[in-house]
Amino acid sequence: MSSTRKCPHCSDRKKMRSEEEKKELLKRLRRAEGQIRGIENMIEEDAYCPDILVQVSAVTSALNSFNKELMACHMRSCVADDIRAGKDEAIDEFVKVMQKLMK
């Protein structure tokens, strides 16, 4: 049976994050953003294709690290709290997200 209690961290599709969590997530995004700017510069400067591809791979890795960090935060807070509250639909939502991420 599902509970009507909301996750204390999430509300109406929003998530209250600690300052430390925000700082870590933003740091990872800014790293990827800087790498993308670097790729733009490489294209403008007619860099060799394999060199650009290596940098694109680095951006992909940075975004994957961001996803792993965000998913871990989500599991530790929202999903865990929902499961404790008897909201089994949190598991279904998590499975759907994982399926989209693993395409």
C-alpha atoms as a PDB file:
ATOM      1  CA  MET A   1       0.000   0.000   0.000  1.00  0.00           C
ATOM      2  CA  SER A   2       1.316   3.410  -0.954  1.00  0.00           C
ATOM      3  CA  SER A   3       1.744   6.220   1.559  1.00  0.00           C
ATOM      4  CA  THR A   4       0.748   9.807   0.812  1.00  0.00           C
ATOM      5  CA  ARG A   5       3.714  11.210   2.736  1.00  0.00           C
ATOM      6  CA  LYS A   6       6.079  13.135   0.469  1.00  0.00           C
ATOM      7  CA  CYS A   7       9.810  12.682   0.399  1.00  0.00           C
ATOM      8  CA  PRO A   8      11.263  15.378   2.700  1.00  0.00           C
ATOM      9  CA  HIS A   9      13.919  16.137   0.075  1.00  0.00           C
ATOM     10  CA  CYS A  10      11.607  16.312  -2.960  1.00  0.00           C
ATOM     11  CA  SER A  11       8.471  18.315  -3.555  1.00  0.00           C
ATOM     12  CA  ASP A  12       6.508  18.780  -6.748  1.00  0.00           C
ATOM     13  CA  ARG A  13       9.406  17.585  -8.923  1.00  0.00           C
ATOM     14  CA  LYS A  14      11.995  19.671  -7.053  1.00  0.00           C
ATOM     15  CA  LYS A  15      14.814  18.533  -4.794  1.00  0.00           C
ATOM     16  CA  MET A  16      16.238  20.394  -1.827  1.00  0.00           C
ATOM     17  CA  ARG A  17      20.022  19.907  -2.000  1.00  0.00           C
ATOM     18  CA  SER A  18      22.653  20.684   0.579  1.00  0.00           C
ATOM     19  CA  GLU A  19      25.174  23.363  -0.293  1.00  0.00           C
ATOM     20  CA  GLU A  20      27.885  20.675  -0.483  1.00  0.00           C
ATOM     21  CA  GLU A  21      25.830  18.572  -2.915  1.00  0.00           C
ATOM     22  CA  LYS A  22      25.145  21.623  -5.107  1.00  0.00           C
ATOM     23  CA  LYS A  23      28.812  22.580  -5.021  1.00  0.00           C
ATOM     24  CA  GLU A  24      29.955  19.104  -6.124  1.00  0.00           C
ATOM     25  CA  LEU A  25      27.365  18.795  -8.916  1.00  0.00           C
ATOM     26  CA  LEU A  26      28.067  22.283 -10.251  1.00  0.00           C
ATOM     27  CA  LYS A  27      31.815  21.622 -10.170  1.00  0.00           C
ATOM     28  CA  ARG A  28      31.332  18.570 -12.365  1.00  0.00           C
ATOM     29  CA  LEU A  29      29.085  20.455 -14.810  1.00  0.00           C
ATOM     30  CA  ARG A  30      31.475  23.374 -15.052  1.00  0.00           C
ATOM     31  CA  ARG A  31      34.316  20.985 -15.825  1.00  0.00           C
ATOM     32  CA  ALA A  32      32.307  19.540 -18.723  1.00  0.00           C
ATOM     33  CA  GLU A  33      31.342  23.043 -19.860  1.00  0.00           C
ATOM     34  CA  GLY A  34      35.006  24.049 -19.959  1.00  0.00           C
ATOM     35  CA  GLN A  35      35.855  20.963 -21.972  1.00  0.00           C
ATOM     36  CA  ILE A  36      33.105  21.774 -24.481  1.00  0.00           C
ATOM     37  CA  ARG A  37      34.464  25.315 -24.872  1.00  0.00           C
ATOM     38  CA  GLY A  38      37.844  23.742 -25.516  1.00  0.00           C
ATOM     39  CA  ILE A  39      36.333  21.573 -28.256  1.00  0.00           C
ATOM     40  CA  GLU A  40      34.732  24.656 -29.821  1.00  0.00           C
ATOM     41  CA  ASN A  41      38.155  26.308 -29.889  1.00  0.00           C
ATOM     42  CA  MET A  42      39.713  23.217 -31.425  1.00  0.00           C
ATOM     43  CA  ILE A  43      37.167  23.292 -34.242  1.00  0.00           C
ATOM     44  CA  GLU A  44      37.678  27.010 -34.801  1.00  0.00           C
ATOM     45  CA  GLU A  45      41.443  26.381 -34.976  1.00  0.00           C
ATOM     46  CA  ASP A  46      41.036  23.437 -37.395  1.00  0.00           C
ATOM     47  CA  ALA A  47      42.418  20.858 -34.961  1.00  0.00           C
ATOM     48  CA  TYR A  48      43.047  17.303 -36.107  1.00  0.00           C
ATOM     49  CA  CYS A  49      39.869  15.162 -35.929  1.00  0.00           C
ATOM     50  CA  PRO A  50      41.263  12.431 -33.628  1.00  0.00           C
ATOM     51  CA  ASP A  51      42.382  15.102 -31.148  1.00  0.00           C
ATOM     52  CA  ILE A  52      38.854  16.513 -31.078  1.00  0.00           C
ATOM     53  CA  LEU A  53      37.372  13.032 -30.664  1.00  0.00           C
ATOM     54  CA  VAL A  54      39.585  12.414 -27.624  1.00  0.00           C
ATOM     55  CA  GLN A  55      38.279  15.628 -26.062  1.00  0.00           C
ATOM     56  CA  VAL A  56      34.678  14.657 -26.840  1.00  0.00           C
ATOM     57  CA  SER A  57      35.347  11.389 -25.032  1.00  0.00           C
ATOM     58  CA  ALA A  58      36.586  13.368 -22.030  1.00  0.00           C
ATOM     59  CA  VAL A  59      33.351  15.403 -21.986  1.00  0.00           C
ATOM     60  CA  THR A  60      31.304  12.209 -22.175  1.00  0.00           C
ATOM     61  CA  SER A  61      33.249  10.840 -19.226  1.00  0.00           C
ATOM     62  CA  ALA A  62      32.722  14.053 -17.247  1.00  0.00           C
ATOM     63  CA  LEU A  63      28.957  13.934 -17.875  1.00  0.00           C
ATOM     64  CA  ASN A  64      28.857  10.250 -16.930  1.00  0.00           C
ATOM     65  CA  SER A  65      30.585  11.136 -13.648  1.00  0.00           C
ATOM     66  CA  PHE A  66      27.998  13.848 -13.089  1.00  0.00           C
ATOM     67  CA  ASN A  67      25.195  11.340 -13.724  1.00  0.00           C
ATOM     68  CA  LYS A  68      26.713   8.837 -11.280  1.00  0.00           C
ATOM     69  CA  GLU A  69      27.025  11.464  -8.564  1.00  0.00           C
ATOM     70  CA  LEU A  70      23.480  12.754  -9.096  1.00  0.00           C
ATOM     71  CA  MET A  71      22.058   9.220  -9.185  1.00  0.00           C
ATOM     72  CA  ALA A  72      23.836   8.331  -5.940  1.00  0.00           C
ATOM     73  CA  CYS A  73      22.416  11.442  -4.255  1.00  0.00           C
ATOM     74  CA  HIS A  74      18.953  10.587  -5.557  1.00  0.00           C
ATOM     75  CA  MET A  75      19.187   7.008  -4.301  1.00  0.00           C
ATOM     76  CA  ARG A  76      20.435   8.022  -0.843  1.00  0.00           C
ATOM     77  CA  SER A  77      17.730  10.604  -0.297  1.00  0.00           C
ATOM     78  CA  CYS A  78      14.595  10.548  -2.445  1.00  0.00           C
ATOM     79  CA  VAL A  79      14.402   6.861  -3.338  1.00  0.00           C
ATOM     80  CA  ALA A  80      15.427   5.617   0.106  1.00  0.00           C
ATOM     81  CA  ASP A  81      12.960   7.941   1.846  1.00  0.00           C
ATOM     82  CA  ASP A  82      10.134   6.939  -0.510  1.00  0.00           C
ATOM     83  CA  ILE A  83      10.805   3.235   0.043  1.00  0.00           C
ATOM     84  CA  ARG A  84      10.846   3.731   3.823  1.00  0.00           C
ATOM     85  CA  ALA A  85       7.505   5.542   3.468  1.00  0.00           C
ATOM     86  CA  GLY A  86       6.060   2.597   1.517  1.00  0.00           C
ATOM     87  CA  LYS A  87       6.041   4.392  -1.842  1.00  0.00           C
ATOM     88  CA  ASP A  88       7.035   1.496  -4.061  1.00  0.00           C
ATOM     89  CA  GLU A  89       6.425   3.575  -7.194  1.00  0.00           C
ATOM     90  CA  ALA A  90       9.802   5.194  -6.471  1.00  0.00           C
ATOM     91  CA  ILE A  91      11.422   1.927  -7.537  1.00  0.00           C
ATOM     92  CA  ASP A  92       9.516   1.911 -10.830  1.00  0.00           C
ATOM     93  CA  GLU A  93      10.524   5.515 -11.497  1.00  0.00           C
ATOM     94  CA  PHE A  94      14.160   4.708 -10.729  1.00  0.00           C
ATOM     95  CA  VAL A  95      14.099   1.702 -13.070  1.00  0.00           C
ATOM     96  CA  LYS A  96      12.688   3.863 -15.885  1.00  0.00           C
ATOM     97  CA  VAL A  97      15.395   6.466 -15.380  1.00  0.00           C
ATOM     98  CA  MET A  98      18.102   3.793 -15.416  1.00  0.00           C
ATOM     99  CA  GLN A  99      16.681   2.350 -18.639  1.00  0.00           C
ATOM    100  CA  LYS A 100      16.888   5.776 -20.290  1.00  0.00           C
ATOM    101  CA  LEU A 101      20.433   6.311 -19.065  1.00  0.00           C
ATOM    102  CA  MET A 102      21.619   2.932 -20.290  1.00  0.00           C
ATOM    103  CA  LYS A 103      20.496   3.291 -23.929  1.00  0.00           C
END
